[in-house]
């Protein structure tokens, strides 16, 4: 249903460095580079960074976030660990979210601009 998403970043070079390290864990790579935007994906750009130099960081209670599918629980954990090692803040450690959906396993981070990014998978037998 959703073809792609984009998030605002205040420093494109910093965001590229961050997301190159973090998204590779999920199998995404930098596919498109333009002056004020960069697209990451597996086969085509699905996740875009758009330079917004004067954008204020997202408030912790904004509710806006992007969820990216991970292969398995170990990948969710690696995503979270890698993001924290590259400057993200934890916004929910890896673990089951049974109240959301049986088999739902996720981790949440805040990138350097405050964007809430989630890595999610579904344990065997659930989808």
N, C-alpha and C. Protein backbone atom coordinates (compact mmCIF):
# COMPACT_ATOMS: atom_id res chain seq x y z
N UNK A 1 0.82 -1.18 0.00
CA UNK A 1 0.00 0.00 0.00
C UNK A 1 0.86 1.25 0.00
N UNK A 2 1.93 1.29 0.76
CA UNK A 2 2.80 2.46 0.80
C UNK A 2 4.00 2.20 -0.10
N UNK A 3 4.29 3.13 -0.97
CA UNK A 3 5.41 2.98 -1.90
C UNK A 3 6.72 3.45 -1.30
N UNK A 4 6.71 4.59 -0.62
CA UNK A 4 7.92 5.13 -0.02
C UNK A 4 7.55 6.14 1.06
N UNK A 5 8.52 6.46 1.90
CA UNK A 5 8.35 7.49 2.93
C UNK A 5 9.56 8.40 2.90
N UNK A 6 9.38 9.60 3.44
CA UNK A 6 10.51 10.51 3.56
C UNK A 6 10.47 11.15 4.93
N UNK A 7 11.66 11.48 5.41
CA UNK A 7 11.77 12.14 6.71
C UNK A 7 12.64 13.38 6.56
N UNK A 8 12.38 14.40 7.37
CA UNK A 8 13.20 15.60 7.32
C UNK A 8 14.47 15.42 8.14
N UNK A 9 15.57 15.97 7.63
CA UNK A 9 16.84 15.96 8.37
C UNK A 9 17.45 17.35 8.28
N UNK A 10 18.12 17.76 9.36
CA UNK A 10 18.68 19.11 9.39
C UNK A 10 20.10 19.16 8.84
N UNK A 11 20.76 18.02 8.76
CA UNK A 11 22.13 17.94 8.26
C UNK A 11 22.21 16.69 7.38
N UNK A 12 22.15 16.88 6.08
CA UNK A 12 22.07 15.74 5.17
C UNK A 12 23.31 14.85 5.24
N UNK A 13 24.49 15.44 5.32
CA UNK A 13 25.71 14.63 5.39
C UNK A 13 25.72 13.76 6.64
N UNK A 14 25.33 14.32 7.77
CA UNK A 14 25.27 13.55 9.02
C UNK A 14 24.23 12.43 8.91
N UNK A 15 23.08 12.75 8.33
CA UNK A 15 22.03 11.75 8.19
C UNK A 15 22.45 10.61 7.26
N UNK A 16 23.15 10.95 6.19
CA UNK A 16 23.64 9.90 5.27
C UNK A 16 24.58 8.97 6.01
N UNK A 17 25.52 9.53 6.75
CA UNK A 17 26.46 8.68 7.52
C UNK A 17 25.70 7.78 8.49
N UNK A 18 24.75 8.34 9.20
CA UNK A 18 23.98 7.57 10.17
C UNK A 18 23.21 6.44 9.47
N UNK A 19 22.43 6.80 8.45
CA UNK A 19 21.56 5.81 7.82
C UNK A 19 22.32 4.79 6.98
N UNK A 20 23.45 5.15 6.42
CA UNK A 20 24.27 4.14 5.71
C UNK A 20 24.64 3.01 6.67
N UNK A 21 25.02 3.36 7.87
CA UNK A 21 25.41 2.37 8.87
C UNK A 21 24.23 1.58 9.41
N UNK A 22 23.11 2.24 9.59
CA UNK A 22 21.95 1.60 10.22
C UNK A 22 21.11 0.80 9.23
N UNK A 23 20.84 1.35 8.07
CA UNK A 23 19.94 0.68 7.12
C UNK A 23 20.56 -0.54 6.45
N UNK A 24 21.88 -0.60 6.38
CA UNK A 24 22.52 -1.78 5.79
C UNK A 24 22.14 -3.04 6.58
N UNK A 25 21.89 -2.89 7.86
CA UNK A 25 21.47 -4.01 8.70
C UNK A 25 20.17 -4.62 8.18
N UNK A 26 19.31 -3.78 7.62
CA UNK A 26 18.02 -4.23 7.08
C UNK A 26 18.08 -4.56 5.60
N UNK A 27 19.28 -4.48 5.01
CA UNK A 27 19.44 -4.81 3.60
C UNK A 27 19.22 -3.65 2.65
N UNK A 28 19.17 -2.43 3.18
CA UNK A 28 18.97 -1.24 2.36
C UNK A 28 20.32 -0.59 2.06
N UNK A 29 20.40 0.03 0.90
CA UNK A 29 21.60 0.77 0.55
C UNK A 29 21.20 2.10 -0.08
N UNK A 30 22.15 3.00 -0.15
CA UNK A 30 21.92 4.31 -0.76
C UNK A 30 21.83 4.11 -2.27
N UNK A 31 20.68 4.44 -2.84
CA UNK A 31 20.45 4.22 -4.27
C UNK A 31 20.39 5.50 -5.09
N UNK A 32 19.96 6.59 -4.47
CA UNK A 32 19.82 7.86 -5.18
C UNK A 32 20.43 8.96 -4.33
N UNK A 33 21.22 9.81 -4.97
CA UNK A 33 21.81 10.95 -4.27
C UNK A 33 21.55 12.19 -5.10
N UNK A 34 20.89 13.16 -4.50
CA UNK A 34 20.65 14.45 -5.11
C UNK A 34 21.12 15.53 -4.15
N UNK A 35 21.06 16.76 -4.60
CA UNK A 35 21.60 17.85 -3.79
C UNK A 35 20.96 17.94 -2.40
N UNK A 36 19.65 17.76 -2.30
CA UNK A 36 18.97 17.93 -1.02
C UNK A 36 18.16 16.72 -0.58
N UNK A 37 18.39 15.58 -1.24
CA UNK A 37 17.65 14.38 -0.86
C UNK A 37 18.45 13.14 -1.22
N UNK A 38 18.25 12.10 -0.45
CA UNK A 38 18.92 10.82 -0.67
C UNK A 38 17.90 9.72 -0.45
N UNK A 39 17.92 8.71 -1.34
CA UNK A 39 16.99 7.60 -1.23
C UNK A 39 17.70 6.28 -0.95
N UNK A 40 17.20 5.55 0.02
CA UNK A 40 17.70 4.23 0.38
C UNK A 40 16.65 3.18 0.06
N UNK A 41 17.10 1.99 -0.25
CA UNK A 41 16.16 0.90 -0.48
C UNK A 41 16.89 -0.38 -0.82
N UNK A 42 16.10 -1.39 -1.19
CA UNK A 42 16.66 -2.67 -1.61
C UNK A 42 16.75 -2.74 -3.13
N UNK A 43 15.65 -2.44 -3.80
CA UNK A 43 15.64 -2.44 -5.27
C UNK A 43 15.36 -1.06 -5.84
N UNK A 44 14.67 -0.25 -5.08
CA UNK A 44 14.37 1.13 -5.48
C UNK A 44 14.28 1.96 -4.20
N UNK A 45 14.37 3.28 -4.29
CA UNK A 45 14.36 4.11 -3.08
C UNK A 45 12.99 4.07 -2.39
N UNK A 46 12.99 3.52 -1.20
CA UNK A 46 11.77 3.41 -0.39
C UNK A 46 11.79 4.35 0.81
N UNK A 47 12.99 4.74 1.22
CA UNK A 47 13.18 5.55 2.41
C UNK A 47 14.04 6.74 2.04
N UNK A 48 13.46 7.94 2.10
CA UNK A 48 14.13 9.16 1.65
C UNK A 48 14.49 10.06 2.82
N UNK A 49 15.64 10.69 2.71
CA UNK A 49 16.06 11.75 3.63
C UNK A 49 15.96 13.06 2.87
N UNK A 50 15.24 14.02 3.40
CA UNK A 50 15.08 15.32 2.75
C UNK A 50 15.64 16.41 3.63
N UNK A 51 16.59 17.18 3.09
CA UNK A 51 17.21 18.26 3.84
C UNK A 51 16.18 19.34 4.16
N UNK A 52 16.06 19.63 5.43
CA UNK A 52 15.22 20.72 5.93
C UNK A 52 16.05 21.41 7.00
N UNK A 53 16.95 22.28 6.56
CA UNK A 53 17.94 22.90 7.45
C UNK A 53 17.35 23.58 8.67
N UNK A 54 16.17 24.13 8.54
CA UNK A 54 15.55 24.86 9.65
C UNK A 54 14.49 24.05 10.38
N UNK A 55 14.41 22.76 10.10
CA UNK A 55 13.40 21.93 10.74
C UNK A 55 13.73 21.75 12.22
N UNK A 56 12.71 21.89 13.04
CA UNK A 56 12.88 21.64 14.46
C UNK A 56 12.83 20.13 14.69
N UNK A 57 13.58 19.64 15.64
CA UNK A 57 13.51 18.20 15.93
C UNK A 57 12.10 17.80 16.33
N UNK A 58 11.73 16.57 16.02
CA UNK A 58 10.42 16.07 16.42
C UNK A 58 10.33 16.03 17.93
N UNK A 59 9.17 16.36 18.43
CA UNK A 59 8.92 16.24 19.86
C UNK A 59 8.76 14.75 20.20
N UNK A 60 9.19 14.37 21.38
CA UNK A 60 9.14 12.96 21.79
C UNK A 60 7.72 12.42 21.77
N UNK A 61 6.72 13.28 21.90
CA UNK A 61 5.34 12.81 21.92
C UNK A 61 4.60 13.08 20.62
N UNK A 62 5.34 13.29 19.50
CA UNK A 62 4.68 13.63 18.25
C UNK A 62 3.85 12.49 17.70
N UNK A 63 4.22 11.25 18.00
CA UNK A 63 3.48 10.10 17.49
C UNK A 63 3.89 9.67 16.11
N UNK A 64 4.62 10.51 15.37
CA UNK A 64 5.03 10.16 14.02
C UNK A 64 6.21 9.20 14.07
N UNK A 65 6.15 8.14 13.27
CA UNK A 65 7.28 7.24 13.17
C UNK A 65 7.18 6.41 11.91
N UNK A 66 8.31 5.83 11.53
CA UNK A 66 8.39 4.96 10.36
C UNK A 66 8.82 3.58 10.84
N UNK A 67 8.12 2.56 10.42
CA UNK A 67 8.47 1.18 10.77
C UNK A 67 9.04 0.48 9.54
N UNK A 68 10.20 -0.12 9.71
CA UNK A 68 10.88 -0.83 8.63
C UNK A 68 10.94 -2.32 8.97
N UNK A 69 10.64 -3.17 8.00
CA UNK A 69 10.60 -4.61 8.24
C UNK A 69 11.99 -5.19 8.34
N UNK A 70 12.19 -6.02 9.36
CA UNK A 70 13.44 -6.74 9.56
C UNK A 70 13.20 -8.23 9.29
N UNK A 71 14.26 -8.91 8.93
CA UNK A 71 14.20 -10.33 8.59
C UNK A 71 13.79 -11.21 9.78
N UNK A 72 14.33 -10.89 10.96
CA UNK A 72 14.09 -11.72 12.14
C UNK A 72 14.42 -10.91 13.40
N UNK A 73 14.22 -11.52 14.56
CA UNK A 73 14.45 -10.83 15.83
C UNK A 73 15.91 -10.42 15.99
N UNK A 74 16.83 -11.26 15.53
CA UNK A 74 18.25 -10.92 15.64
C UNK A 74 18.56 -9.66 14.84
N UNK A 75 17.92 -9.49 13.70
CA UNK A 75 18.14 -8.29 12.89
C UNK A 75 17.56 -7.06 13.58
N UNK A 76 16.41 -7.20 14.23
CA UNK A 76 15.85 -6.09 15.01
C UNK A 76 16.85 -5.67 16.08
N UNK A 77 17.42 -6.64 16.77
CA UNK A 77 18.38 -6.35 17.83
C UNK A 77 19.64 -5.68 17.28
N UNK A 78 20.13 -6.16 16.14
CA UNK A 78 21.32 -5.56 15.52
C UNK A 78 21.02 -4.14 15.04
N UNK A 79 19.85 -3.93 14.47
CA UNK A 79 19.43 -2.58 14.05
C UNK A 79 19.51 -1.63 15.25
N UNK A 80 18.91 -2.02 16.36
CA UNK A 80 18.85 -1.18 17.55
C UNK A 80 20.26 -0.89 18.08
N UNK A 81 21.06 -1.92 18.21
CA UNK A 81 22.43 -1.78 18.70
C UNK A 81 23.27 -0.88 17.79
N UNK A 82 23.14 -1.08 16.48
CA UNK A 82 23.90 -0.30 15.51
C UNK A 82 23.47 1.17 15.55
N UNK A 83 22.17 1.40 15.61
CA UNK A 83 21.67 2.77 15.66
C UNK A 83 22.19 3.50 16.89
N UNK A 84 22.15 2.84 18.04
CA UNK A 84 22.64 3.48 19.27
C UNK A 84 24.14 3.77 19.18
N UNK A 85 24.88 2.85 18.57
CA UNK A 85 26.32 3.04 18.43
C UNK A 85 26.66 4.20 17.50
N UNK A 86 25.71 4.61 16.64
CA UNK A 86 25.96 5.70 15.70
C UNK A 86 25.20 6.97 16.05
N UNK A 87 24.77 7.11 17.29
CA UNK A 87 24.22 8.38 17.74
C UNK A 87 22.73 8.45 17.95
N UNK A 88 22.01 7.36 17.77
CA UNK A 88 20.56 7.37 18.02
C UNK A 88 20.30 7.27 19.52
N UNK A 89 19.09 7.62 19.90
CA UNK A 89 18.63 7.43 21.27
C UNK A 89 17.64 6.28 21.28
N UNK A 90 17.66 5.50 22.34
CA UNK A 90 16.70 4.40 22.47
C UNK A 90 15.32 4.98 22.74
N UNK A 91 14.32 4.47 22.01
CA UNK A 91 12.94 4.88 22.23
C UNK A 91 12.06 3.66 22.48
N UNK A 92 12.70 2.55 22.78
CA UNK A 92 12.02 1.29 23.07
C UNK A 92 12.94 0.15 22.71
N UNK A 93 13.47 -0.57 23.69
CA UNK A 93 14.43 -1.63 23.41
C UNK A 93 13.81 -2.80 22.65
N UNK A 94 14.64 -3.63 22.03
CA UNK A 94 14.12 -4.79 21.31
C UNK A 94 13.32 -5.70 22.23
N UNK A 95 12.21 -6.20 21.71
CA UNK A 95 11.40 -7.13 22.48
C UNK A 95 10.05 -7.34 21.86
N UNK A 96 9.31 -8.30 22.41
CA UNK A 96 7.96 -8.56 21.91
C UNK A 96 7.03 -7.42 22.27
N UNK A 97 6.10 -7.18 21.41
CA UNK A 97 5.05 -6.18 21.65
C UNK A 97 3.71 -6.91 21.49
N UNK A 98 3.48 -7.87 22.36
CA UNK A 98 2.30 -8.73 22.26
C UNK A 98 0.99 -7.95 22.34
N UNK A 99 0.97 -6.83 23.04
CA UNK A 99 -0.25 -6.02 23.13
C UNK A 99 -0.61 -5.44 21.77
N UNK A 100 0.41 -5.25 20.93
CA UNK A 100 0.18 -4.71 19.59
C UNK A 100 -0.37 -5.78 18.66
N UNK A 101 0.30 -6.93 18.67
CA UNK A 101 -0.07 -8.01 17.76
C UNK A 101 0.71 -9.26 18.19
N UNK A 102 0.08 -10.41 18.30
CA UNK A 102 0.84 -11.61 18.65
C UNK A 102 1.97 -11.85 17.65
N UNK A 103 3.16 -12.12 18.16
CA UNK A 103 4.30 -12.37 17.31
C UNK A 103 5.06 -11.13 16.90
N UNK A 104 4.59 -9.96 17.27
CA UNK A 104 5.22 -8.68 16.90
C UNK A 104 6.46 -8.48 17.76
N UNK A 105 7.60 -8.27 17.11
CA UNK A 105 8.87 -8.08 17.81
C UNK A 105 9.52 -6.84 17.21
N UNK A 106 9.82 -5.84 18.04
CA UNK A 106 10.27 -4.56 17.50
C UNK A 106 11.24 -3.85 18.43
N UNK A 107 11.90 -2.84 17.88
CA UNK A 107 12.74 -1.91 18.62
C UNK A 107 12.55 -0.53 18.01
N UNK A 108 12.65 0.49 18.84
CA UNK A 108 12.44 1.87 18.41
C UNK A 108 13.66 2.71 18.75
N UNK A 109 14.01 3.60 17.83
CA UNK A 109 15.09 4.56 18.08
C UNK A 109 14.63 5.94 17.66
N UNK A 110 15.35 6.95 18.14
CA UNK A 110 15.22 8.33 17.66
C UNK A 110 16.53 8.65 16.97
N UNK A 111 16.45 9.03 15.69
CA UNK A 111 17.67 9.38 14.97
C UNK A 111 18.20 10.73 15.46
N UNK A 112 19.33 11.20 14.96
CA UNK A 112 19.88 12.47 15.44
C UNK A 112 18.96 13.69 15.26
N UNK A 113 17.95 13.58 14.39
CA UNK A 113 16.98 14.67 14.22
C UNK A 113 15.69 14.44 15.01
N UNK A 114 15.64 13.36 15.77
CA UNK A 114 14.45 13.08 16.57
C UNK A 114 13.40 12.26 15.85
N UNK A 115 13.64 11.83 14.61
CA UNK A 115 12.69 10.98 13.91
C UNK A 115 12.61 9.63 14.60
N UNK A 116 11.40 9.12 14.81
CA UNK A 116 11.21 7.82 15.47
C UNK A 116 11.18 6.74 14.40
N UNK A 117 12.17 5.86 14.46
CA UNK A 117 12.30 4.78 13.48
C UNK A 117 12.20 3.45 14.22
N UNK A 118 11.44 2.55 13.66
CA UNK A 118 11.21 1.24 14.25
C UNK A 118 11.70 0.16 13.30
N UNK A 119 12.29 -0.89 13.86
CA UNK A 119 12.56 -2.11 13.10
C UNK A 119 11.61 -3.16 13.68
N UNK A 120 10.90 -3.87 12.80
CA UNK A 120 9.88 -4.83 13.25
C UNK A 120 9.96 -6.12 12.46
N UNK A 121 9.66 -7.20 13.13
CA UNK A 121 9.52 -8.50 12.49
C UNK A 121 8.39 -9.25 13.18
N UNK A 122 8.02 -10.36 12.64
CA UNK A 122 7.00 -11.20 13.24
C UNK A 122 7.61 -12.58 13.46
N UNK A 123 7.48 -13.08 14.69
CA UNK A 123 8.09 -14.36 15.00
C UNK A 123 7.40 -15.47 14.25
N UNK A 124 8.10 -16.57 14.08
CA UNK A 124 7.63 -17.74 13.33
C UNK A 124 6.20 -18.08 13.69
N UNK A 125 5.39 -18.32 12.64
CA UNK A 125 4.02 -18.73 12.85
C UNK A 125 3.03 -17.59 12.91
N UNK A 126 3.51 -16.34 12.90
CA UNK A 126 2.64 -15.16 12.93
C UNK A 126 3.03 -14.24 11.79
N UNK A 127 2.07 -13.47 11.30
CA UNK A 127 2.39 -12.49 10.26
C UNK A 127 1.48 -11.30 10.33
